[in-house]
Protein backbone atom coordinates (compact mmCIF):
# COMPACT_ATOMS: atom_id res chain seq x y z
CA UNK A 1 25.44 -3.92 55.85
CA UNK A 2 24.04 -1.32 53.46
CA UNK A 3 22.08 -1.70 50.23
CA UNK A 4 23.04 -4.52 47.91
CA UNK A 5 24.80 -3.04 44.87
CA UNK A 6 25.86 -5.16 41.91
CA UNK A 7 28.75 -3.82 39.82
CA UNK A 8 29.04 -5.24 36.32
CA UNK A 9 32.56 -4.98 34.97
CA UNK A 10 33.88 -4.89 38.50
CA UNK A 11 37.38 -6.04 37.60
CA UNK A 12 37.91 -3.47 34.84
CA UNK A 13 39.77 -0.20 34.92
CA UNK A 14 36.85 1.86 36.26
CA UNK A 15 34.89 -0.99 37.85
CA UNK A 16 37.77 -2.08 40.08
CA UNK A 17 38.14 1.41 41.57
CA UNK A 18 34.46 1.93 42.21
CA UNK A 19 33.92 -1.59 43.59
CA UNK A 20 36.49 -1.11 46.31
CA UNK A 21 35.06 2.29 47.17
CA UNK A 22 31.51 0.90 47.47
CA UNK A 23 32.65 -1.94 49.68
CA UNK A 24 34.56 0.41 51.98
CA UNK A 25 31.52 2.70 52.15
CA UNK A 26 29.47 -0.19 53.64
CA UNK A 27 27.45 -1.31 50.62
CA UNK A 28 26.68 -5.00 50.21
CA UNK A 29 28.84 -5.38 47.08
CA UNK A 30 28.23 -8.01 44.41
CA UNK A 31 31.15 -7.79 41.97
CA UNK A 32 30.50 -9.29 38.52
CA UNK A 33 33.43 -9.76 36.15
CA UNK A 34 33.64 -12.15 33.18
CA UNK A 35 37.34 -11.73 32.39
CA UNK A 36 39.79 -13.90 34.28
CA UNK A 37 42.41 -11.13 34.72
CA UNK A 38 39.72 -8.95 36.26
CA UNK A 39 38.48 -11.74 38.49
CA UNK A 40 42.06 -12.35 39.70
CA UNK A 41 42.42 -8.64 40.41
CA UNK A 42 39.26 -8.68 42.51
CA UNK A 43 40.37 -11.74 44.48
CA UNK A 44 43.77 -10.17 45.13
CA UNK A 45 41.91 -7.26 46.71
CA UNK A 46 39.82 -9.54 48.88
CA UNK A 47 36.66 -9.25 46.75
CA UNK A 48 35.13 -12.55 45.67
CA UNK A 49 33.59 -12.34 42.18
CA UNK A 50 29.84 -12.99 42.07
CA UNK A 51 27.68 -14.91 39.64
CA UNK A 52 25.51 -12.61 37.53
CA UNK A 53 22.21 -14.22 38.54
CA UNK A 54 23.11 -14.08 42.22
CA UNK A 55 24.29 -10.48 41.90
CA UNK A 56 21.08 -9.31 40.27
CA UNK A 57 18.83 -11.10 42.70
CA UNK A 58 17.48 -8.61 45.26
CA UNK A 59 19.95 -5.93 44.14
CA UNK A 60 18.85 -2.45 45.15
CA UNK A 61 21.11 -0.96 42.47
CA UNK A 62 23.15 -2.19 39.51
CA UNK A 63 26.17 -0.19 38.34
CA UNK A 64 27.18 -0.63 34.71
CA UNK A 65 30.96 -0.12 34.86
CA UNK A 66 31.38 -1.31 31.28
CA UNK A 67 32.35 0.31 27.97
CA UNK A 68 29.73 2.59 26.43
CA UNK A 69 29.60 0.43 23.31
CA UNK A 70 28.57 -2.61 25.42
CA UNK A 71 25.80 -0.92 27.42
CA UNK A 72 23.03 -1.56 24.91
CA UNK A 73 23.70 -5.30 24.76
CA UNK A 74 24.22 -5.74 28.51
CA UNK A 75 21.23 -3.62 29.47
CA UNK A 76 19.01 -5.55 27.06
CA UNK A 77 20.10 -8.74 28.85
CA UNK A 78 19.78 -7.65 32.46
CA UNK A 79 17.04 -4.99 32.64
CA UNK A 80 14.14 -7.43 32.04
CA UNK A 81 15.44 -9.53 34.94
CA UNK A 82 15.59 -6.76 37.54
CA UNK A 83 13.12 -6.33 40.37
CA UNK A 84 10.77 -3.35 40.12
CA UNK A 85 12.32 -0.29 41.73
CA UNK A 86 15.92 -1.29 41.00
CA UNK A 87 18.24 1.64 40.33
CA UNK A 88 20.45 1.19 37.26
CA UNK A 89 23.48 3.47 37.49
CA UNK A 90 25.26 4.37 34.23
CA UNK A 91 28.62 6.11 34.46
CA UNK A 92 28.40 8.20 31.30
CA UNK A 93 25.60 10.05 29.52
CA UNK A 94 26.37 8.87 25.98
CA UNK A 95 24.46 5.58 25.93
CA UNK A 96 21.39 6.88 27.81
CA UNK A 97 21.24 10.01 25.65
CA UNK A 98 21.62 7.92 22.50
CA UNK A 99 18.45 6.05 23.52
CA UNK A 100 19.91 2.54 23.73
CA UNK A 101 18.52 1.64 27.17
CA UNK A 102 15.52 -0.71 27.25
CA UNK A 103 12.15 0.86 28.04
CA UNK A 104 10.85 -0.22 31.39
CA UNK A 105 8.80 2.17 33.47
CA UNK A 106 9.16 0.50 36.85
CA UNK A 107 12.94 0.80 37.25
CA UNK A 108 15.14 3.87 37.72
CA UNK A 109 17.87 5.02 35.37
CA UNK A 110 20.47 7.20 37.08
CA UNK A 111 23.52 8.72 35.38
CA UNK A 112 26.61 10.02 37.15
CA UNK A 113 30.04 11.13 36.02
CA UNK A 114 33.13 12.49 37.80
CA UNK A 115 34.53 15.94 37.01
CA UNK A 116 38.07 14.81 37.96
CA UNK A 117 40.28 16.79 40.33
CA UNK A 118 40.48 20.51 39.48
CA UNK A 119 43.57 21.95 37.83
CA UNK A 120 43.92 24.66 40.44
CA UNK A 121 43.81 22.84 43.79
CA UNK A 122 46.47 24.76 45.67
CA UNK A 123 45.15 23.62 49.08
CA UNK A 124 46.35 20.04 48.51
CA UNK A 125 49.48 19.17 50.49
CA UNK A 126 49.45 15.36 50.20
CA UNK A 127 51.78 14.34 47.33
CA UNK A 128 49.55 11.40 46.32
CA UNK A 129 46.56 13.73 46.00
CA UNK A 130 48.56 16.30 44.06
CA UNK A 131 49.68 13.58 41.63
CA UNK A 132 46.12 12.23 41.09
CA UNK A 133 44.55 13.64 37.93
CA UNK A 134 41.73 11.09 37.61
CA UNK A 135 40.14 11.26 41.08
CA UNK A 136 39.55 8.84 43.89
CA UNK A 137 42.65 9.92 45.78
CA UNK A 138 42.35 13.68 45.28
CA UNK A 139 38.99 15.34 45.95
CA UNK A 140 36.74 15.94 42.94
CA UNK A 141 33.25 17.10 42.09
CA UNK A 142 30.68 14.94 40.34
CA UNK A 143 27.63 15.52 38.13
CA UNK A 144 24.43 13.46 38.46
CA UNK A 145 21.15 13.13 36.58
CA UNK A 146 17.97 11.24 37.41
CA UNK A 147 16.95 10.09 33.96
CA UNK A 148 13.78 8.33 35.09
CA UNK A 149 12.36 7.10 38.37
CA UNK A 150 10.84 8.49 41.55
CA UNK A 151 12.37 11.67 42.98
CA UNK A 152 13.43 9.91 46.17
CA UNK A 153 15.73 7.75 44.11
CA UNK A 154 17.91 10.77 43.30
CA UNK A 155 19.39 10.83 46.77
CA UNK A 156 20.07 7.08 46.71
CA UNK A 157 21.78 7.32 43.32
CA UNK A 158 23.72 10.37 44.43
CA UNK A 159 24.93 8.54 47.54
CA UNK A 160 26.20 5.62 45.42
CA UNK A 161 28.04 7.98 43.10
CA UNK A 162 29.53 9.93 45.97
CA UNK A 163 30.81 6.68 47.49
CA UNK A 164 32.27 5.50 44.16
CA UNK A 165 34.14 8.71 43.42
CA UNK A 166 34.97 9.92 46.92
CA UNK A 167 36.40 12.19 48.27
CA UNK A 168 33.84 14.64 46.94
CA UNK A 169 34.05 18.44 46.71
CA UNK A 170 30.58 19.14 45.30
CA UNK A 171 27.75 17.16 43.70
CA UNK A 172 25.92 18.94 40.88
CA UNK A 173 22.46 17.93 39.71
CA UNK A 174 21.67 18.39 36.02
CA UNK A 175 19.32 16.89 33.44
CA UNK A 176 20.43 14.00 31.23
CA UNK A 177 20.69 16.35 28.23
CA UNK A 178 22.78 18.81 30.21
CA UNK A 179 25.13 16.01 31.29
CA UNK A 180 25.48 14.90 27.67
CA UNK A 181 26.34 18.50 26.70
CA UNK A 182 29.08 18.39 29.36
CA UNK A 183 30.30 14.99 28.11
CA UNK A 184 30.86 14.27 25.31
CA UNK A 185 30.18 17.90 24.33
CA UNK A 186 32.27 20.20 26.50
CA UNK A 187 34.89 17.75 27.73
CA UNK A 188 35.70 15.77 24.58
CA UNK A 189 34.32 17.59 21.54
CA UNK A 190 35.65 20.97 22.71
CA UNK A 191 38.31 20.63 25.44
CA UNK A 192 39.96 17.45 24.20
CA UNK A 193 39.89 18.63 20.59
CA UNK A 194 41.58 21.91 21.54
CA UNK A 195 44.17 20.12 23.68
CA UNK A 196 44.92 17.72 20.83
CA UNK A 197 45.27 20.66 18.44
CA UNK A 198 47.79 22.24 20.85
CA UNK A 199 49.91 19.07 20.85
CA UNK A 200 49.81 19.04 17.05
CA UNK A 201 50.85 22.70 17.03
CA UNK A 202 53.78 21.78 19.30
CA UNK A 203 54.80 19.08 16.82
CA UNK A 204 54.51 21.61 13.98
CA UNK A 205 56.89 23.99 15.77
CA UNK A 206 59.42 21.20 16.16
CA UNK A 207 59.13 19.32 12.89
CA UNK A 208 58.50 22.14 10.45
CA UNK A 209 60.28 25.08 12.03
CA UNK A 210 63.12 23.36 13.87
CA UNK A 211 62.38 24.75 17.35
CA UNK A 212 63.87 22.51 20.05
CA UNK A 213 61.05 20.42 21.53
CA UNK A 214 61.98 21.26 25.11
CA UNK A 215 61.85 24.97 24.34
CA UNK A 216 58.51 24.71 22.57
CA UNK A 217 57.07 22.53 25.35
CA UNK A 218 58.18 24.83 28.16
CA UNK A 219 56.85 27.84 26.28
CA UNK A 220 53.45 26.28 25.58
CA UNK A 221 52.90 24.76 29.01
CA UNK A 222 53.84 28.00 30.78
CA UNK A 223 51.46 30.04 28.64
CA UNK A 224 48.66 27.49 29.10
CA UNK A 225 49.15 27.88 32.85
CA UNK A 226 49.01 31.69 32.94
CA UNK A 227 46.22 31.97 30.33
CA UNK A 228 44.05 29.33 32.02
CA UNK A 229 44.57 31.10 35.34
CA UNK A 230 43.54 34.48 33.92
CA UNK A 231 40.63 33.38 31.74
CA UNK A 232 39.02 31.25 34.44
CA UNK A 233 39.40 33.84 37.18
CA UNK A 234 42.11 32.35 39.40
CA UNK A 235 44.29 35.42 38.86
CA UNK A 236 43.43 38.90 37.47
CA UNK A 237 42.78 38.91 33.72
CA UNK A 238 45.42 41.38 32.51
CA UNK A 239 46.46 40.52 28.93
CA UNK A 240 47.67 43.40 26.82
CA UNK A 241 45.43 45.07 24.25
CA UNK A 242 47.75 43.74 21.54
CA UNK A 243 47.41 40.19 22.86
CA UNK A 244 43.60 40.45 22.80
CA UNK A 245 43.65 41.77 19.21
CA UNK A 246 45.91 38.90 18.22
CA UNK A 247 43.63 36.38 19.96
CA UNK A 248 40.60 37.61 18.01
CA UNK A 249 42.57 37.36 14.78
CA UNK A 250 43.85 33.90 15.66
CA UNK A 251 40.37 32.58 16.44
CA UNK A 252 39.31 33.50 12.90
CA UNK A 253 42.23 31.38 11.64
CA UNK A 254 41.99 28.28 13.86
CA UNK A 255 38.28 27.99 14.67
CA UNK A 256 35.29 27.29 12.45
CA UNK A 257 32.78 30.18 12.73
CA UNK A 258 30.08 27.74 13.86
CA UNK A 259 32.21 25.75 16.34
CA UNK A 260 29.60 26.23 19.09
CA UNK A 261 27.36 23.71 17.37
CA UNK A 262 29.56 21.07 19.05
CA UNK A 263 27.54 21.82 22.20
CA UNK A 264 24.12 21.73 20.55
CA UNK A 265 21.77 18.90 21.59
CA UNK A 266 21.59 17.68 17.99
CA UNK A 267 25.37 17.41 17.59
CA UNK A 268 25.77 15.97 21.10
CA UNK A 269 23.17 13.28 20.32
CA UNK A 270 25.04 12.44 17.12
CA UNK A 271 28.27 12.11 19.13
CA UNK A 272 26.52 10.02 21.80
CA UNK A 273 25.23 7.60 19.15
CA UNK A 274 28.74 7.35 17.72
CA UNK A 275 30.05 6.38 21.16
CA UNK A 276 27.22 4.07 22.21
CA UNK A 277 26.88 2.18 18.95
CA UNK A 278 30.60 1.79 18.37
């Protein structure tokens, strides 16, 4: 049996997936779940829910598979009770970057987050993998940061994250600030905002200009496909000169001139505090 790992929120949406993965990877799993539906889900999967005190006792690592807005309260409750040297694994950078974790110098804070399966994964032949956009069935990369703790704890935290989100393509090591710039910065403040704007533009074509929704959808999705492929280097980048001129004109219409501040540490910290403090 491997290291004892306690998972808090083990019966939740994320916690249930990572708990099963850790158990199958050979970790000595202690699954903590306060909600009865989540506890029933664990039992149905052959995982007996654990008492919090028992789970924390002698745990080598504690995974906080709980909402970002609950991390401050839960961490304040459990961190003082942990043995020195315990690795606390947080699954998102927002709460750590917002500064809501208790100060305690003799434990390790480790942050990991999945990248999710790549859009262009043409080598996948299994239909279940091709249908998986979240990860855990299809291969994905992950990003990890050692926030505080001895250097040798990086490999232990990385191994836990690789087990939770397997199968793994690559594991990237970054700093906590860099991980926060990736999420919520790049993934939510930029990518999700642009995607949401595209869906609103689709609605505008349909509702204001009377274009059939199916026609507008097929047109948009097809162009997203070819433009993503060209701009990210999967196929040659061969737009016409006219298209490039129009793109530069359009960016002046649809983007704020200072939009890049969404990736600045100051703005990312503001976003992280918004997430972590509810």
